[in-house]
PDB file of N, CA and C in Angstrom:
ATOM      1  N   MET A   1       0.674  -1.346   0.332  1.00  0.00           N
ATOM      2  CA  MET A   1      -0.328   0.153   0.174  1.00  0.00           C
ATOM      3  C   MET A   1       0.947   1.354  -0.438  1.00  0.00           C
ATOM      4  N   ARG A   2       0.473   2.308  -0.835  1.00  0.00           N
ATOM      5  CA  ARG A   2       1.099   3.608  -0.776  1.00  0.00           C
ATOM      6  C   ARG A   2       1.192   4.166   0.388  1.00  0.00           C
ATOM      7  N   ALA A   3       1.807   4.752   0.755  1.00  0.00           N
ATOM      8  CA  ALA A   3       2.444   5.748   2.225  1.00  0.00           C
ATOM      9  C   ALA A   3       0.880   6.889   1.848  1.00  0.00           C
ATOM     10  N   LYS A   4       0.579   7.305   0.949  1.00  0.00           N
ATOM     11  CA  LYS A   4      -0.433   8.327   1.240  1.00  0.00           C
ATOM     12  C   LYS A   4      -1.578   7.190   1.298  1.00  0.00           C
ATOM     13  N   ASP A   5      -1.526   6.429   0.779  1.00  0.00           N
ATOM     14  CA  ASP A   5      -2.851   5.600   1.124  1.00  0.00           C
ATOM     15  C   ASP A   5      -3.585   5.478   2.964  1.00  0.00           C
ATOM     16  N   ARG A   6      -2.007   4.947   3.074  1.00  0.00           N
ATOM     17  CA  ARG A   6      -1.955   4.406   4.756  1.00  0.00           C
ATOM     18  C   ARG A   6      -2.242   6.175   5.419  1.00  0.00           C
ATOM     19  N   LEU A   7      -1.645   7.160   4.806  1.00  0.00           N
ATOM     20  CA  LEU A   7      -1.681   8.241   5.491  1.00  0.00           C
ATOM     21  C   LEU A   7      -3.252   8.681   5.595  1.00  0.00           C
ATOM     22  N   GLY A   8      -4.048   8.605   4.583  1.00  0.00           N
ATOM     23  CA  GLY A   8      -5.850   8.777   4.332  1.00  0.00           C
ATOM     24  C   GLY A   8      -6.393   7.587   5.381  1.00  0.00           C
ATOM     25  N   GLN A   9      -5.527   6.496   5.246  1.00  0.00           N
ATOM     26  CA  GLN A   9      -6.486   5.469   6.291  1.00  0.00           C
ATOM     27  C   GLN A   9      -6.578   5.971   7.413  1.00  0.00           C
ATOM     28  N   ARG A  10      -5.157   6.248   8.207  1.00  0.00           N
ATOM     29  CA  ARG A  10      -4.898   6.376   9.537  1.00  0.00           C
ATOM     30  C   ARG A  10      -6.511   7.758   9.690  1.00  0.00           C
ATOM     31  N   GLY A  11      -5.907   9.095   9.112  1.00  0.00           N
ATOM     32  CA  GLY A  11      -6.874  10.278   9.006  1.00  0.00           C
ATOM     33  C   GLY A  11      -8.020   9.558   9.151  1.00  0.00           C
ATOM     34  N   GLU A  12      -8.624   9.073   8.305  1.00  0.00           N
ATOM     35  CA  GLU A  12      -9.785   8.423   8.695  1.00  0.00           C
ATOM     36  C   GLU A  12     -10.382   7.770   9.744  1.00  0.00           C
ATOM     37  N   ARG A  13      -8.997   7.223  10.754  1.00  0.00           N
ATOM     38  CA  ARG A  13      -9.094   6.413  11.690  1.00  0.00           C
ATOM     39  C   ARG A  13      -9.689   7.679  12.947  1.00  0.00           C
ATOM     40  N   LEU A  14      -8.488   8.066  12.017  1.00  0.00           N
ATOM     41  CA  LEU A  14      -8.746   8.974  13.774  1.00  0.00           C
ATOM     42  C   LEU A  14      -9.796  10.084  14.006  1.00  0.00           C
ATOM     43  N   ALA A  15     -10.151  10.620  12.726  1.00  0.00           N
ATOM     44  CA  ALA A  15     -11.301  10.973  12.525  1.00  0.00           C
ATOM     45  C   ALA A  15     -12.963  10.767  13.240  1.00  0.00           C
ATOM     46  N   GLU A  16     -12.574   8.839  12.602  1.00  0.00           N
ATOM     47  CA  GLU A  16     -13.972   8.297  13.019  1.00  0.00           C
ATOM     48  C   GLU A  16     -13.706   7.953  14.410  1.00  0.00           C
ATOM     49  N   GLU A  17     -12.580   8.475  15.511  1.00  0.00           N
ATOM     50  CA  GLU A  17     -12.665   8.032  16.534  1.00  0.00           C
ATOM     51  C   GLU A  17     -12.963   8.836  17.524  1.00  0.00           C
ATOM     52  N   TYR A  18     -12.933  10.387  17.102  1.00  0.00           N
ATOM     53  CA  TYR A  18     -12.929  11.877  17.231  1.00  0.00           C
ATOM     54  C   TYR A  18     -14.260  11.894  16.834  1.00  0.00           C
ATOM     55  N   LEU A  19     -14.940  11.699  15.899  1.00  0.00           N
ATOM     56  CA  LEU A  19     -16.303  11.937  15.968  1.00  0.00           C
ATOM     57  C   LEU A  19     -17.112  11.200  16.976  1.00  0.00           C
ATOM     58  N   ARG A  20     -16.958   9.774  17.134  1.00  0.00           N
ATOM     59  CA  ARG A  20     -17.657   8.815  17.849  1.00  0.00           C
ATOM     60  C   ARG A  20     -17.645   9.399  19.448  1.00  0.00           C
ATOM     61  N   ALA A  21     -16.453  10.278  19.635  1.00  0.00           N
ATOM     62  CA  ALA A  21     -16.070  10.756  20.952  1.00  0.00           C
ATOM     63  C   ALA A  21     -16.452  11.506  21.488  1.00  0.00           C
ATOM     64  N   THR A  22     -17.280  12.276  20.091  1.00  0.00           N
ATOM     65  CA  THR A  22     -17.993  13.900  20.478  1.00  0.00           C
ATOM     66  C   THR A  22     -19.594  13.623  19.870  1.00  0.00           C
ATOM     67  N   GLY A  23     -20.387  11.978  19.915  1.00  0.00           N
ATOM     68  CA  GLY A  23     -21.305  11.403  20.136  1.00  0.00           C
ATOM     69  C   GLY A  23     -21.608  11.349  19.300  1.00  0.00           C
ATOM     70  N   ALA A  24     -21.722  11.209  17.664  1.00  0.00           N
ATOM     71  CA  ALA A  24     -22.118  11.495  16.347  1.00  0.00           C
ATOM     72  C   ALA A  24     -21.940   9.709  16.400  1.00  0.00           C
ATOM     73  N   VAL A  25     -23.683   9.765  15.618  1.00  0.00           N
ATOM     74  CA  VAL A  25     -23.367   8.064  15.361  1.00  0.00           C
ATOM     75  C   VAL A  25     -22.826   7.923  13.637  1.00  0.00           C
ATOM     76  N   ILE A  26     -21.330   6.364  13.666  1.00  0.00           N
ATOM     77  CA  ILE A  26     -20.741   6.637  12.399  1.00  0.00           C
ATOM     78  C   ILE A  26     -22.082   5.704  11.436  1.00  0.00           C
ATOM     79  N   LEU A  27     -22.318   5.946  10.494  1.00  0.00           N
ATOM     80  CA  LEU A  27     -23.839   5.282   9.371  1.00  0.00           C
ATOM     81  C   LEU A  27     -22.849   4.796   8.558  1.00  0.00           C
ATOM     82  N   ASP A  28     -21.553   4.838   8.223  1.00  0.00           N
ATOM     83  CA  ASP A  28     -20.953   4.271   6.927  1.00  0.00           C
ATOM     84  C   ASP A  28     -19.726   4.722   6.349  1.00  0.00           C
ATOM     85  N   ARG A  29     -18.738   4.339   5.922  1.00  0.00           N
ATOM     86  CA  ARG A  29     -17.324   4.976   5.820  1.00  0.00           C
ATOM     87  C   ARG A  29     -17.118   4.155   4.160  1.00  0.00           C
ATOM     88  N   ASN A  30     -16.506   4.971   3.693  1.00  0.00           N
ATOM     89  CA  ASN A  30     -15.824   4.713   2.363  1.00  0.00           C
ATOM     90  C   ASN A  30     -17.032   4.366   1.393  1.00  0.00           C
ATOM     91  N   TRP A  31     -18.267   5.178   1.692  1.00  0.00           N
ATOM     92  CA  TRP A  31     -19.369   4.790   0.646  1.00  0.00           C
ATOM     93  C   TRP A  31     -18.656   5.452  -0.631  1.00  0.00           C
ATOM     94  N   ARG A  32     -18.761   4.880  -1.602  1.00  0.00           N
ATOM     95  CA  ARG A  32     -18.769   5.087  -3.312  1.00  0.00           C
ATOM     96  C   ARG A  32     -20.026   5.263  -3.857  1.00  0.00           C
ATOM     97  N   GLY A  33     -20.701   6.097  -4.496  1.00  0.00           N
ATOM     98  CA  GLY A  33     -21.421   6.443  -5.237  1.00  0.00           C
ATOM     99  C   GLY A  33     -20.930   6.756  -7.124  1.00  0.00           C
ATOM    100  N   SER A  34     -21.919   7.191  -7.803  1.00  0.00           N
ATOM    101  CA  SER A  34     -21.683   7.435  -9.042  1.00  0.00           C
ATOM    102  C   SER A  34     -20.902   8.905  -9.013  1.00  0.00           C
ATOM    103  N   GLY A  35     -19.862   9.098  -8.890  1.00  0.00           N
ATOM    104  CA  GLY A  35     -19.386  10.184  -9.094  1.00  0.00           C
ATOM    105  C   GLY A  35     -17.944  10.563  -8.116  1.00  0.00           C
ATOM    106  N   GLY A  36     -18.066   9.252  -7.299  1.00  0.00           N
ATOM    107  CA  GLY A  36     -17.411   9.922  -5.739  1.00  0.00           C
ATOM    108  C   GLY A  36     -17.433   9.035  -4.390  1.00  0.00           C
ATOM    109  N   GLU A  37     -16.650   9.356  -3.565  1.00  0.00           N
ATOM    110  CA  GLU A  37     -16.871   8.732  -2.514  1.00  0.00           C
ATOM    111  C   GLU A  37     -16.898   9.639  -1.011  1.00  0.00           C
ATOM    112  N   LEU A  38     -17.942   9.070  -0.242  1.00  0.00           N
ATOM    113  CA  LEU A  38     -18.387   9.880   0.838  1.00  0.00           C
ATOM    114  C   LEU A  38     -17.484   9.149   1.897  1.00  0.00           C
ATOM    115  N   ASP A  39     -16.453   9.589   2.559  1.00  0.00           N
ATOM    116  CA  ASP A  39     -15.154   9.243   3.849  1.00  0.00           C
ATOM    117  C   ASP A  39     -15.896   9.264   4.992  1.00  0.00           C
ATOM    118  N   ILE A  40     -16.549   9.574   5.239  1.00  0.00           N
ATOM    119  CA  ILE A  40     -17.801   9.451   6.678  1.00  0.00           C
ATOM    120  C   ILE A  40     -19.049   9.742   5.791  1.00  0.00           C
ATOM    121  N   VAL A  41     -20.044   8.671   6.208  1.00  0.00           N
ATOM    122  CA  VAL A  41     -21.396   9.687   6.824  1.00  0.00           C
ATOM    123  C   VAL A  41     -21.648   9.601   7.853  1.00  0.00           C
ATOM    124  N   ALA A  42     -22.435  10.405   8.841  1.00  0.00           N
ATOM    125  CA  ALA A  42     -22.914   9.795  10.407  1.00  0.00           C
ATOM    126  C   ALA A  42     -23.793  10.960  10.576  1.00  0.00           C
ATOM    127  N   ALA A  43     -24.326  10.334  11.500  1.00  0.00           N
ATOM    128  CA  ALA A  43     -25.592  11.239  12.003  1.00  0.00           C
ATOM    129  C   ALA A  43     -25.013  11.728  13.570  1.00  0.00           C
ATOM    130  N   ASP A  44     -25.438  13.278  13.226  1.00  0.00           N
ATOM    131  CA  ASP A  44     -24.785  14.091  14.718  1.00  0.00           C
ATOM    132  C   ASP A  44     -25.851  15.262  14.955  1.00  0.00           C
ATOM    133  N   ALA A  45     -26.835  15.222  16.176  1.00  0.00           N
ATOM    134  CA  ALA A  45     -27.421  16.186  16.980  1.00  0.00           C
ATOM    135  C   ALA A  45     -28.438  16.347  15.739  1.00  0.00           C
ATOM    136  N   GLY A  46     -29.277  15.398  15.565  1.00  0.00           N
ATOM    137  CA  GLY A  46     -30.281  15.401  14.473  1.00  0.00           C
ATOM    138  C   GLY A  46     -29.951  15.619  12.936  1.00  0.00           C
ATOM    139  N   ALA A  47     -28.546  15.425  12.144  1.00  0.00           N
ATOM    140  CA  ALA A  47     -28.680  15.582  11.013  1.00  0.00           C
ATOM    141  C   ALA A  47     -27.813  14.647  10.590  1.00  0.00           C
ATOM    142  N   LEU A  48     -27.760  14.779   9.284  1.00  0.00           N
ATOM    143  CA  LEU A  48     -27.094  13.851   8.507  1.00  0.00           C
ATOM    144  C   LEU A  48     -25.467  14.286   8.175  1.00  0.00           C
ATOM    145  N   VAL A  49     -24.807  13.767   8.103  1.00  0.00           N
ATOM    146  CA  VAL A  49     -23.429  14.260   7.884  1.00  0.00           C
ATOM    147  C   VAL A  49     -22.425  13.752   7.094  1.00  0.00           C
ATOM    148  N   ALA A  50     -22.249  14.463   6.323  1.00  0.00           N
ATOM    149  CA  ALA A  50     -21.098  13.754   5.557  1.00  0.00           C
ATOM    150  C   ALA A  50     -20.024  14.743   5.866  1.00  0.00           C
ATOM    151  N   VAL A  51     -18.643  13.554   5.910  1.00  0.00           N
ATOM    152  CA  VAL A  51     -17.110  14.213   6.610  1.00  0.00           C
ATOM    153  C   VAL A  51     -16.492  13.936   5.620  1.00  0.00           C
ATOM    154  N   GLU A  52     -16.287  14.761   5.383  1.00  0.00           N
ATOM    155  CA  GLU A  52     -14.535  14.649   4.118  1.00  0.00           C
ATOM    156  C   GLU A  52     -13.107  14.624   5.446  1.00  0.00           C
ATOM    157  N   VAL A  53     -12.963  14.131   5.046  1.00  0.00           N
ATOM    158  CA  VAL A  53     -11.587  14.181   6.242  1.00  0.00           C
ATOM    159  C   VAL A  53      -9.905  14.060   4.681  1.00  0.00           C
ATOM    160  N   LYS A  54      -9.260  15.102   5.546  1.00  0.00           N
ATOM    161  CA  LYS A  54      -8.002  15.897   4.695  1.00  0.00           C
ATOM    162  C   LYS A  54      -7.105  15.667   5.653  1.00  0.00           C
ATOM    163  N   ALA A  55      -5.963  14.123   5.431  1.00  0.00           N
ATOM    164  CA  ALA A  55      -5.108  14.435   6.376  1.00  0.00           C
ATOM    165  C   ALA A  55      -3.651  14.607   5.050  1.00  0.00           C
ATOM    166  N   ARG A  56      -2.533  15.551   6.252  1.00  0.00           N
ATOM    167  CA  ARG A  56      -1.538  15.900   5.471  1.00  0.00           C
ATOM    168  C   ARG A  56      -0.493  15.886   6.944  1.00  0.00           C
ATOM    169  N   ARG A  57       0.779  15.163   6.381  1.00  0.00           N
ATOM    170  CA  ARG A  57       1.771  15.575   7.228  1.00  0.00           C
ATOM    171  C   ARG A  57       2.675  16.497   7.674  1.00  0.00           C
ATOM    172  N   SER A  58       2.081  17.689   6.718  1.00  0.00           N
ATOM    173  CA  SER A  58       2.607  19.129   6.946  1.00  0.00           C
ATOM    174  C   SER A  58       1.623  19.395   6.365  1.00  0.00           C
ATOM    175  N   TRP A  59       1.970  21.435   7.109  1.00  0.00           N
ATOM    176  CA  TRP A  59       1.137  22.214   5.764  1.00  0.00           C
ATOM    177  C   TRP A  59       2.279  22.750   4.686  1.00  0.00           C
ATOM    178  N   ASP A  60       3.143  21.671   4.118  1.00  0.00           N
ATOM    179  CA  ASP A  60       3.868  22.381   2.799  1.00  0.00           C
ATOM    180  C   ASP A  60       2.750  22.789   1.323  1.00  0.00           C
ATOM    181  N   TYR A  61       2.013  22.219   1.473  1.00  0.00           N
ATOM    182  CA  TYR A  61       1.860  22.108   0.117  1.00  0.00           C
ATOM    183  C   TYR A  61       0.087  23.218   0.884  1.00  0.00           C
ATOM    184  N   GLY A  62       0.302  23.504   2.169  1.00  0.00           N
ATOM    185  CA  GLY A  62      -1.419  24.643   2.330  1.00  0.00           C
ATOM    186  C   GLY A  62      -1.763  24.239   3.184  1.00  0.00           C
ATOM    187  N   HIS A  63      -3.153  23.931   4.138  1.00  0.00           N
ATOM    188  CA  HIS A  63      -4.110  23.729   4.816  1.00  0.00           C
ATOM    189  C   HIS A  63      -4.324  22.663   4.239  1.00  0.00           C
ATOM    190  N   PRO A  64      -5.052  21.381   5.168  1.00  0.00           N
ATOM    191  CA  PRO A  64      -5.690  19.854   4.438  1.00  0.00           C
ATOM    192  C   PRO A  64      -7.313  21.199   4.418  1.00  0.00           C
ATOM    193  N   PHE A  65      -7.737  21.937   4.510  1.00  0.00           N
ATOM    194  CA  PHE A  65      -9.079  22.833   4.077  1.00  0.00           C
ATOM    195  C   PHE A  65      -8.809  23.604   3.053  1.00  0.00           C
ATOM    196  N   GLU A  66      -8.152  23.767   3.053  1.00  0.00           N
ATOM    197  CA  GLU A  66      -7.845  24.085   1.159  1.00  0.00           C
ATOM    198  C   GLU A  66      -8.291  23.460   0.077  1.00  0.00           C
ATOM    199  N   ALA A  67      -7.958  22.876   0.387  1.00  0.00           N
ATOM    200  CA  ALA A  67      -8.252  21.180  -1.176  1.00  0.00           C
ATOM    201  C   ALA A  67     -10.018  20.714  -0.851  1.00  0.00           C
ATOM    202  N   VAL A  68     -10.492  21.284  -0.312  1.00  0.00           N
ATOM    203  CA  VAL A  68     -12.148  21.498  -0.193  1.00  0.00           C
ATOM    204  C   VAL A  68     -12.730  22.592  -1.059  1.00  0.00           C
ATOM    205  N   ASP A  69     -12.576  22.532  -2.560  1.00  0.00           N
ATOM    206  CA  ASP A  69     -13.269  24.103  -2.950  1.00  0.00           C
ATOM    207  C   ASP A  69     -14.478  23.850  -2.998  1.00  0.00           C
ATOM    208  N   ALA A  70     -15.372  24.856  -3.971  1.00  0.00           N
ATOM    209  CA  ALA A  70     -16.608  24.069  -3.902  1.00  0.00           C
ATOM    210  C   ALA A  70     -16.962  23.592  -4.919  1.00  0.00           C
ATOM    211  N   CYS A  71     -16.189  23.209  -6.182  1.00  0.00           N
ATOM    212  CA  CYS A  71     -16.661  21.741  -6.467  1.00  0.00           C
ATOM    213  C   CYS A  71     -16.768  20.572  -5.742  1.00  0.00           C
ATOM    214  N   LYS A  72     -15.363  20.121  -5.073  1.00  0.00           N
ATOM    215  CA  LYS A  72     -15.655  18.830  -3.852  1.00  0.00           C
ATOM    216  C   LYS A  72     -16.976  19.039  -3.537  1.00  0.00           C
ATOM    217  N   LEU A  73     -17.285  20.369  -2.787  1.00  0.00           N
ATOM    218  CA  LEU A  73     -18.376  20.134  -1.842  1.00  0.00           C
ATOM    219  C   LEU A  73     -19.203  20.276  -3.007  1.00  0.00           C
ATOM    220  N   GLY A  74     -19.604  20.860  -3.758  1.00  0.00           N
ATOM    221  CA  GLY A  74     -20.780  20.302  -4.421  1.00  0.00           C
ATOM    222  C   GLY A  74     -20.892  19.057  -4.813  1.00  0.00           C
ATOM    223  N   ARG A  75     -19.942  18.443  -5.237  1.00  0.00           N
ATOM    224  CA  ARG A  75     -19.876  16.778  -5.556  1.00  0.00           C
ATOM    225  C   ARG A  75     -20.440  15.758  -4.366  1.00  0.00           C
ATOM    226  N   ILE A  76     -19.937  16.215  -3.048  1.00  0.00           N
ATOM    227  CA  ILE A  76     -20.384  15.485  -1.665  1.00  0.00           C
ATOM    228  C   ILE A  76     -21.638  16.260  -1.014  1.00  0.00           C
ATOM    229  N   ILE A  77     -22.554  16.950  -1.544  1.00  0.00           N
ATOM    230  CA  ILE A  77     -23.658  17.462  -1.613  1.00  0.00           C
ATOM    231  C   ILE A  77     -24.451  16.178  -2.488  1.00  0.00           C
ATOM    232  N   ARG A  78     -24.080  15.969  -3.791  1.00  0.00           N
ATOM    233  CA  ARG A  78     -24.881  15.251  -4.905  1.00  0.00           C
ATOM    234  C   ARG A  78     -24.787  13.652  -4.020  1.00  0.00           C
ATOM    235  N   LEU A  79     -23.621  13.483  -3.783  1.00  0.00           N
ATOM    236  CA  LEU A  79     -23.377  12.295  -2.363  1.00  0.00           C
ATOM    237  C   LEU A  79     -24.012  11.485  -1.591  1.00  0.00           C
ATOM    238  N   LEU A  80     -24.148  13.046  -0.823  1.00  0.00           N
ATOM    239  CA  LEU A  80     -24.830  12.434   0.472  1.00  0.00           C
ATOM    240  C   LEU A  80     -26.093  12.489   0.061  1.00  0.00           C
ATOM    241  N   GLY A  81     -26.645  12.799  -0.894  1.00  0.00           N
ATOM    242  CA  GLY A  81     -28.230  12.980  -1.344  1.00  0.00           C
ATOM    243  C   GLY A  81     -28.472  11.759  -1.828  1.00  0.00           C
ATOM    244  N   ALA A  82     -27.407  10.924  -3.066  1.00  0.00           N
ATOM    245  CA  ALA A  82     -27.305   9.873  -3.317  1.00  0.00           C
ATOM    246  C   ALA A  82     -27.283   8.371  -2.236  1.00  0.00           C
ATOM    247  N   TRP A  83     -26.514   8.766  -0.954  1.00  0.00           N
ATOM    248  CA  TRP A  83     -26.410   8.519   0.010  1.00  0.00           C
ATOM    249  C   TRP A  83     -27.498   7.916   0.659  1.00  0.00           C
ATOM    250  N   ALA A  84     -28.573   9.415   0.784  1.00  0.00           N
ATOM    251  CA  ALA A  84     -29.946   9.161   2.179  1.00  0.00           C
ATOM    252  C   ALA A  84     -30.927   8.212   0.619  1.00  0.00           C
ATOM    253  N   GLU A  85     -31.050   8.859  -0.887  1.00  0.00           N
ATOM    254  CA  GLU A  85     -31.816   8.180  -1.361  1.00  0.00           C
ATOM    255  C   GLU A  85     -31.628   6.544  -1.394  1.00  0.00           C
ATOM    256  N   GLY A  86     -30.197   6.015  -1.568  1.00  0.00           N
ATOM    257  CA  GLY A  86     -30.466   4.169  -1.058  1.00  0.00           C
ATOM    258  C   GLY A  86     -30.512   3.979  -0.175  1.00  0.00           C
ATOM    259  N   HIS A  87     -30.191   4.563   0.843  1.00  0.00           N
ATOM    260  CA  HIS A  87     -30.202   4.214   2.291  1.00  0.00           C
ATOM    261  C   HIS A  87     -32.042   4.083   3.387  1.00  0.00           C
ATOM    262  N   GLY A  88     -32.815   4.996   2.293  1.00  0.00           N
ATOM    263  CA  GLY A  88     -33.628   5.000   2.697  1.00  0.00           C
ATOM    264  C   GLY A  88     -34.165   6.611   4.020  1.00  0.00           C
ATOM    265  N   VAL A  89     -33.197   7.209   3.996  1.00  0.00           N
ATOM    266  CA  VAL A  89     -33.093   8.185   5.096  1.00  0.00           C
ATOM    267  C   VAL A  89     -33.755   9.335   4.332  1.00  0.00           C
ATOM    268  N   ARG A  90     -34.860   9.486   5.382  1.00  0.00           N
ATOM    269  CA  ARG A  90     -35.414  11.380   5.161  1.00  0.00           C
ATOM    270  C   ARG A  90     -34.912  11.967   6.315  1.00  0.00           C
ATOM    271  N   SER A  91     -34.112  13.202   5.732  1.00  0.00           N
ATOM    272  CA  SER A  91     -33.782  13.871   6.587  1.00  0.00           C
ATOM    273  C   SER A  91     -33.422  15.423   6.251  1.00  0.00           C
ATOM    274  N   ASP A  92     -34.394  16.473   6.566  1.00  0.00           N
ATOM    275  CA  ASP A  92     -34.383  17.424   5.882  1.00  0.00           C
ATOM    276  C   ASP A  92     -33.045  18.669   6.311  1.00  0.00           C
ATOM    277  N   ALA A  93     -32.281  17.474   7.521  1.00  0.00           N
ATOM    278  CA  ALA A  93     -31.058  17.961   8.107  1.00  0.00           C
ATOM    279  C   ALA A  93     -30.476  18.080   7.907  1.00  0.00           C
ATOM    280  N   ARG A  94     -29.049  18.713   6.548  1.00  0.00           N
ATOM    281  CA  ARG A  94     -28.110  17.842   6.110  1.00  0.00           C
ATOM    282  C   ARG A  94     -27.218  18.411   6.601  1.00  0.00           C
ATOM    283  N   ARG A  95     -25.898  18.338   6.860  1.00  0.00           N
ATOM    284  CA  ARG A  95     -24.381  19.603   6.904  1.00  0.00           C
ATOM    285  C   ARG A  95     -23.609  18.460   6.276  1.00  0.00           C
ATOM    286  N   ILE A  96     -22.138  19.392   5.610  1.00  0.00           N
ATOM    287  CA  ILE A  96     -21.270  18.901   5.552  1.00  0.00           C
ATOM    288  C   ILE A  96     -19.559  19.436   6.543  1.00  0.00           C
ATOM    289  N   ASP A  97     -19.285  18.002   7.283  1.00  0.00           N
ATOM    290  CA  ASP A  97     -18.491  18.335   7.802  1.00  0.00           C
ATOM    291  C   ASP A  97     -16.489  18.931   7.223  1.00  0.00           C
ATOM    292  N   VAL A  98     -15.534  18.995   7.167  1.00  0.00           N
ATOM    293  CA  VAL A  98     -14.307  18.470   7.451  1.00  0.00           C
ATOM    294  C   VAL A  98     -13.613  18.349   8.402  1.00  0.00           C
ATOM    295  N   VAL A  99     -13.030  17.282   8.352  1.00  0.00           N
ATOM    296  CA  VAL A  99     -12.019  16.993   9.348  1.00  0.00           C
ATOM    297  C   VAL A  99     -10.712  17.048   9.207  1.00  0.00           C
ATOM    298  N   ALA A 100      -9.507  17.938   9.421  1.00  0.00           N
ATOM    299  CA  ALA A 100      -8.226  17.882   8.955  1.00  0.00           C
ATOM    300  C   ALA A 100      -7.451  17.268  10.127  1.00  0.00           C
ATOM    301  N   VAL A 101      -6.519  16.041   9.752  1.00  0.00           N
ATOM    302  CA  VAL A 101      -5.693  15.400  10.433  1.00  0.00           C
ATOM    303  C   VAL A 101      -4.067  15.719   9.896  1.00  0.00           C
ATOM    304  N   THR A 102      -3.253  16.710  10.932  1.00  0.00           N
ATOM    305  CA  THR A 102      -2.590  17.139  10.367  1.00  0.00           C
ATOM    306  C   THR A 102      -0.954  16.210  11.142  1.00  0.00           C
ATOM    307  N   GLY A 103       0.234  15.732  10.637  1.00  0.00           N
ATOM    308  CA  GLY A 103       1.400  15.034  11.327  1.00  0.00           C
ATOM    309  C   GLY A 103       1.734  14.016  10.334  1.00  0.00           C
ATOM    310  N   PRO A 104       3.156  13.721  10.681  1.00  0.00           N
ATOM    311  CA  PRO A 104       4.026  12.262  10.242  1.00  0.00           C
ATOM    312  C   PRO A 104       3.374  11.459  11.200  1.00  0.00           C
ATOM    313  N   ALA A 105       3.302  10.309  10.125  1.00  0.00           N
ATOM    314  CA  ALA A 105       2.360   8.748  10.894  1.00  0.00           C
ATOM    315  C   ALA A 105       4.048   8.737  12.308  1.00  0.00           C
ATOM    316  N   GLY A 106       3.141   8.385  12.860  1.00  0.00           N
ATOM    317  CA  GLY A 106       3.402   7.757  14.963  1.00  0.00           C
ATOM    318  C   GLY A 106       3.763   8.772  15.672  1.00  0.00           C
ATOM    319  N   ALA A 107       3.748  10.027  14.923  1.00  0.00           N
ATOM    320  CA  ALA A 107       3.388  11.476  15.723  1.00  0.00           C
ATOM    321  C   ALA A 107       1.986  11.542  16.239  1.00  0.00           C
ATOM    322  N   GLN A 108       2.489  12.464  17.487  1.00  0.00           N
ATOM    323  CA  GLN A 108       0.869  13.215  17.438  1.00  0.00           C
ATOM    324  C   GLN A 108       0.259  13.793  16.711  1.00  0.00           C
ATOM    325  N   SER A 109      -1.004  13.731  16.206  1.00  0.00           N
ATOM    326  CA  SER A 109      -1.228  14.438  14.912  1.00  0.00           C
ATOM    327  C   SER A 109      -2.218  15.414  15.551  1.00  0.00           C
ATOM    328  N   VAL A 110      -2.503  16.365  14.753  1.00  0.00           N
ATOM    329  CA  VAL A 110      -3.554  17.763  15.264  1.00  0.00           C
ATOM    330  C   VAL A 110      -4.516  17.646  14.369  1.00  0.00           C
ATOM    331  N   LEU A 111      -6.105  17.022  15.168  1.00  0.00           N
ATOM    332  CA  LEU A 111      -6.911  17.648  14.685  1.00  0.00           C
ATOM    333  C   LEU A 111      -7.865  18.815  14.773  1.00  0.00           C
ATOM    334  N   GLU A 112      -8.421  18.481  13.619  1.00  0.00           N
ATOM    335  CA  GLU A 112      -9.581  20.456  13.212  1.00  0.00           C
ATOM    336  C   GLU A 112     -10.820  19.771  12.804  1.00  0.00           C
ATOM    337  N   HIS A 113     -11.669  20.263  12.647  1.00  0.00           N
ATOM    338  CA  HIS A 113     -13.032  20.227  12.496  1.00  0.00           C
ATOM    339  C   HIS A 113     -14.306  20.984  12.336  1.00  0.00           C
ATOM    340  N   LEU A 114     -14.095  21.361  10.744  1.00  0.00           N
ATOM    341  CA  LEU A 114     -14.961  22.266  10.740  1.00  0.00           C
ATOM    342  C   LEU A 114     -16.640  21.684  10.455  1.00  0.00           C
ATOM    343  N   LYS A 115     -17.531  22.052  10.732  1.00  0.00           N
ATOM    344  CA  LYS A 115     -19.096  22.064  11.440  1.00  0.00           C
ATOM    345  C   LYS A 115     -19.762  22.877   9.930  1.00  0.00           C
ATOM    346  N   GLY A 116     -20.549  22.083   9.496  1.00  0.00           N
ATOM    347  CA  GLY A 116     -21.275  23.199   8.894  1.00  0.00           C
ATOM    348  C   GLY A 116     -20.527  24.298   6.958  1.00  0.00           C
ATOM    349  N   VAL A 117     -19.949  23.131   6.965  1.00  0.00           N
ATOM    350  CA  VAL A 117     -18.943  24.254   5.597  1.00  0.00           C
ATOM    351  C   VAL A 117     -20.023  24.831   4.245  1.00  0.00           C
ATOM    352  N   ALA A 118     -20.838  23.493   3.941  1.00  0.00           N
ATOM    353  CA  ALA A 118     -21.751  23.270   3.047  1.00  0.00           C
ATOM    354  C   ALA A 118     -23.660  22.539   3.620  1.00  0.00           C
TER     355      ALA A 118
END
């Protein structure tokens, strides 16, 4: 497995642990639909939430949040709608969150959570 893939999996695992600790219920991980993938789908405070996880070793190429642009948000919104329809989930309260995990493997990571980016 490539180092980039291991880093991404580690970031998603840390994000999931963090979300569970905050009371979110994880509904799905790495769900693939037409046009992309949702890293984490969760239920939190009555909302259906798609969580995009961005893991980086450092900020050398910018903050991880910068990788989530308007095009990516649009894709996540469409995918969350497809996920909800495919799973029979009816929820008017939907939210897109982004979790950034920064730090090299084996080191203490910094985790940041932006709620409701879209």
